[in-house]
């Protein structure tokens, strides 16, 4: 199981959580998405995760990716 972390700007409510979660769950290999509004982070768990596709899903949901989160 792999875990990827992203800083995401512009999230502020439950709708943001739902939008990001919906887009990321469409990426192959994703088993869990955890959105932390207070920390402005998104954590994705799964196997064979494609960083580029995950980033594209976050952008598709309408949000920007900030600086990388340390592992």
N, C-alpha and C. Protein backbone atom coordinates (compact mmCIF):
# COMPACT_ATOMS: atom_id res chain seq x y z
N UNK A 1 0.86 -1.18 0.00
CA UNK A 1 0.00 0.00 0.00
C UNK A 1 0.90 1.24 0.00
N UNK A 2 0.56 2.17 -0.83
CA UNK A 2 1.30 3.43 -0.96
C UNK A 2 0.44 4.56 -0.41
N UNK A 3 1.12 5.61 0.07
CA UNK A 3 0.41 6.79 0.57
C UNK A 3 1.05 8.01 -0.07
N UNK A 4 0.21 8.90 -0.60
CA UNK A 4 0.66 10.16 -1.19
C UNK A 4 -0.02 11.31 -0.46
N UNK A 5 0.75 12.37 -0.20
CA UNK A 5 0.24 13.55 0.51
C UNK A 5 0.34 14.77 -0.41
N UNK A 6 -0.68 15.64 -0.34
CA UNK A 6 -0.67 16.86 -1.13
C UNK A 6 -1.19 18.02 -0.30
N UNK A 7 -0.54 19.18 -0.42
CA UNK A 7 -1.09 20.43 0.10
C UNK A 7 -2.04 20.94 -0.97
N UNK A 8 -3.25 21.28 -0.58
CA UNK A 8 -4.24 21.73 -1.55
C UNK A 8 -4.83 23.05 -1.06
N UNK A 9 -4.80 24.06 -1.91
CA UNK A 9 -5.32 25.36 -1.53
C UNK A 9 -6.74 25.55 -2.06
N UNK A 10 -7.51 26.34 -1.32
CA UNK A 10 -8.86 26.68 -1.75
C UNK A 10 -9.97 25.83 -1.16
N UNK A 11 -9.62 24.86 -0.31
CA UNK A 11 -10.65 24.00 0.30
C UNK A 11 -11.19 24.70 1.55
N UNK A 12 -12.53 24.64 1.71
CA UNK A 12 -13.10 25.32 2.88
C UNK A 12 -14.35 24.67 3.46
N UNK A 13 -14.90 23.64 2.79
CA UNK A 13 -16.17 23.10 3.27
C UNK A 13 -16.37 21.64 2.85
N UNK A 14 -17.48 21.09 3.25
CA UNK A 14 -17.81 19.72 2.92
C UNK A 14 -17.94 19.48 1.42
N UNK A 15 -18.40 20.49 0.70
CA UNK A 15 -18.49 20.36 -0.76
C UNK A 15 -17.10 20.17 -1.36
N UNK A 16 -16.12 20.88 -0.83
CA UNK A 16 -14.74 20.74 -1.30
C UNK A 16 -14.26 19.31 -1.08
N UNK A 17 -14.53 18.78 0.10
CA UNK A 17 -14.13 17.42 0.44
C UNK A 17 -14.76 16.43 -0.54
N UNK A 18 -16.06 16.59 -0.79
CA UNK A 18 -16.78 15.69 -1.68
C UNK A 18 -16.26 15.78 -3.11
N UNK A 19 -15.99 16.98 -3.60
CA UNK A 19 -15.50 17.15 -4.97
C UNK A 19 -14.14 16.50 -5.17
N UNK A 20 -13.23 16.75 -4.25
CA UNK A 20 -11.89 16.19 -4.36
C UNK A 20 -11.95 14.67 -4.24
N UNK A 21 -12.70 14.19 -3.26
CA UNK A 21 -12.81 12.74 -3.04
C UNK A 21 -13.36 12.05 -4.28
N UNK A 22 -14.39 12.61 -4.86
CA UNK A 22 -15.02 12.02 -6.05
C UNK A 22 -14.04 11.92 -7.21
N UNK A 23 -13.30 12.98 -7.47
CA UNK A 23 -12.35 12.99 -8.59
C UNK A 23 -11.20 12.01 -8.35
N UNK A 24 -10.66 12.00 -7.13
CA UNK A 24 -9.51 11.14 -6.85
C UNK A 24 -9.91 9.66 -6.87
N UNK A 25 -11.10 9.33 -6.40
CA UNK A 25 -11.54 7.92 -6.40
C UNK A 25 -11.63 7.33 -7.79
N UNK A 26 -11.69 8.17 -8.82
CA UNK A 26 -11.74 7.69 -10.19
C UNK A 26 -10.37 7.25 -10.72
N UNK A 27 -9.30 7.59 -9.98
CA UNK A 27 -7.95 7.22 -10.39
C UNK A 27 -7.70 5.76 -10.01
N UNK A 28 -7.14 4.99 -10.93
CA UNK A 28 -6.85 3.58 -10.69
C UNK A 28 -5.96 3.40 -9.47
N UNK A 29 -6.29 2.39 -8.66
CA UNK A 29 -5.47 2.02 -7.52
C UNK A 29 -5.81 2.70 -6.22
N UNK A 30 -6.68 3.71 -6.24
CA UNK A 30 -7.03 4.45 -5.02
C UNK A 30 -7.96 3.62 -4.15
N UNK A 31 -7.59 3.48 -2.88
CA UNK A 31 -8.45 2.74 -1.95
C UNK A 31 -9.06 3.66 -0.89
N UNK A 32 -8.39 4.78 -0.60
CA UNK A 32 -8.91 5.70 0.43
C UNK A 32 -8.42 7.11 0.15
N UNK A 33 -9.29 8.08 0.41
CA UNK A 33 -8.95 9.50 0.29
C UNK A 33 -9.30 10.17 1.61
N UNK A 34 -8.33 10.89 2.18
CA UNK A 34 -8.55 11.60 3.43
C UNK A 34 -8.27 13.08 3.18
N UNK A 35 -9.30 13.92 3.33
CA UNK A 35 -9.16 15.35 3.13
C UNK A 35 -9.22 16.02 4.50
N UNK A 36 -8.18 16.79 4.83
CA UNK A 36 -8.11 17.51 6.10
C UNK A 36 -8.22 19.00 5.81
N UNK A 37 -9.41 19.55 6.02
CA UNK A 37 -9.64 20.97 5.72
C UNK A 37 -8.77 21.89 6.58
N UNK A 38 -8.62 21.56 7.87
CA UNK A 38 -7.85 22.40 8.78
C UNK A 38 -6.38 22.49 8.36
N UNK A 39 -5.83 21.39 7.89
CA UNK A 39 -4.42 21.34 7.49
C UNK A 39 -4.22 21.63 6.00
N UNK A 40 -5.32 21.74 5.25
CA UNK A 40 -5.26 21.93 3.80
C UNK A 40 -4.46 20.83 3.11
N UNK A 41 -4.72 19.58 3.53
CA UNK A 41 -4.01 18.45 2.93
C UNK A 41 -4.98 17.39 2.43
N UNK A 42 -4.49 16.64 1.46
CA UNK A 42 -5.19 15.48 0.94
C UNK A 42 -4.20 14.32 1.00
N UNK A 43 -4.63 13.22 1.59
CA UNK A 43 -3.82 12.01 1.66
C UNK A 43 -4.55 10.91 0.89
N UNK A 44 -3.82 10.25 0.02
CA UNK A 44 -4.39 9.20 -0.81
C UNK A 44 -3.67 7.89 -0.50
N UNK A 45 -4.43 6.84 -0.25
CA UNK A 45 -3.89 5.50 -0.01
C UNK A 45 -4.29 4.61 -1.17
N UNK A 46 -3.38 3.70 -1.55
CA UNK A 46 -3.71 2.77 -2.62
C UNK A 46 -2.49 2.03 -3.11
N UNK A 47 -2.65 1.36 -4.24
CA UNK A 47 -1.55 0.60 -4.84
C UNK A 47 -1.34 1.10 -6.26
N UNK A 48 -0.08 1.22 -6.64
CA UNK A 48 0.25 1.67 -8.00
C UNK A 48 -0.24 3.06 -8.30
N UNK A 49 -0.20 3.96 -7.32
CA UNK A 49 -0.72 5.31 -7.49
C UNK A 49 0.14 6.12 -8.46
N UNK A 50 -0.51 6.78 -9.39
CA UNK A 50 0.15 7.62 -10.38
C UNK A 50 0.06 9.07 -9.92
N UNK A 51 1.20 9.63 -9.51
CA UNK A 51 1.23 10.99 -8.97
C UNK A 51 0.65 12.00 -9.94
N UNK A 52 0.98 11.89 -11.20
CA UNK A 52 0.50 12.84 -12.20
C UNK A 52 -1.03 12.79 -12.33
N UNK A 53 -1.58 11.59 -12.32
CA UNK A 53 -3.05 11.44 -12.42
C UNK A 53 -3.74 11.95 -11.17
N UNK A 54 -3.14 11.74 -10.00
CA UNK A 54 -3.73 12.25 -8.75
C UNK A 54 -3.74 13.77 -8.75
N UNK A 55 -2.63 14.36 -9.17
CA UNK A 55 -2.56 15.82 -9.25
C UNK A 55 -3.59 16.37 -10.24
N UNK A 56 -3.73 15.70 -11.37
CA UNK A 56 -4.71 16.13 -12.37
C UNK A 56 -6.13 16.04 -11.83
N UNK A 57 -6.41 15.02 -11.01
CA UNK A 57 -7.74 14.87 -10.43
C UNK A 57 -8.05 16.02 -9.47
N UNK A 58 -7.05 16.44 -8.69
CA UNK A 58 -7.25 17.56 -7.76
C UNK A 58 -7.52 18.84 -8.54
N UNK A 59 -6.76 19.06 -9.60
CA UNK A 59 -6.96 20.25 -10.44
C UNK A 59 -8.33 20.18 -11.12
N UNK A 60 -8.71 19.00 -11.60
CA UNK A 60 -10.02 18.81 -12.24
C UNK A 60 -11.16 19.15 -11.28
N UNK A 61 -10.95 18.88 -9.99
CA UNK A 61 -11.96 19.19 -8.99
C UNK A 61 -12.05 20.70 -8.73
N UNK A 62 -11.06 21.46 -9.24
CA UNK A 62 -11.11 22.91 -9.12
C UNK A 62 -10.19 23.50 -8.06
N UNK A 63 -9.18 22.75 -7.66
CA UNK A 63 -8.29 23.20 -6.57
C UNK A 63 -6.85 23.22 -7.05
N UNK A 64 -6.01 23.97 -6.32
CA UNK A 64 -4.59 24.07 -6.66
C UNK A 64 -3.77 23.27 -5.69
N UNK A 65 -2.69 22.70 -6.20
CA UNK A 65 -1.78 21.93 -5.37
C UNK A 65 -0.64 22.84 -4.95
N UNK A 66 -0.40 22.90 -3.64
CA UNK A 66 0.68 23.71 -3.09
C UNK A 66 1.98 22.95 -3.06
N UNK A 67 2.88 23.39 -2.21
CA UNK A 67 4.17 22.73 -2.05
C UNK A 67 3.98 21.31 -1.55
N UNK A 68 4.91 20.42 -1.89
CA UNK A 68 4.80 19.02 -1.45
C UNK A 68 4.79 18.90 0.08
N UNK A 69 4.07 17.90 0.56
CA UNK A 69 4.03 17.59 1.98
C UNK A 69 5.13 16.58 2.26
N UNK A 70 5.98 16.82 3.28
CA UNK A 70 7.00 15.83 3.60
C UNK A 70 6.39 14.49 3.97
N UNK A 71 7.02 13.42 3.58
CA UNK A 71 6.50 12.08 3.86
C UNK A 71 6.60 11.75 5.33
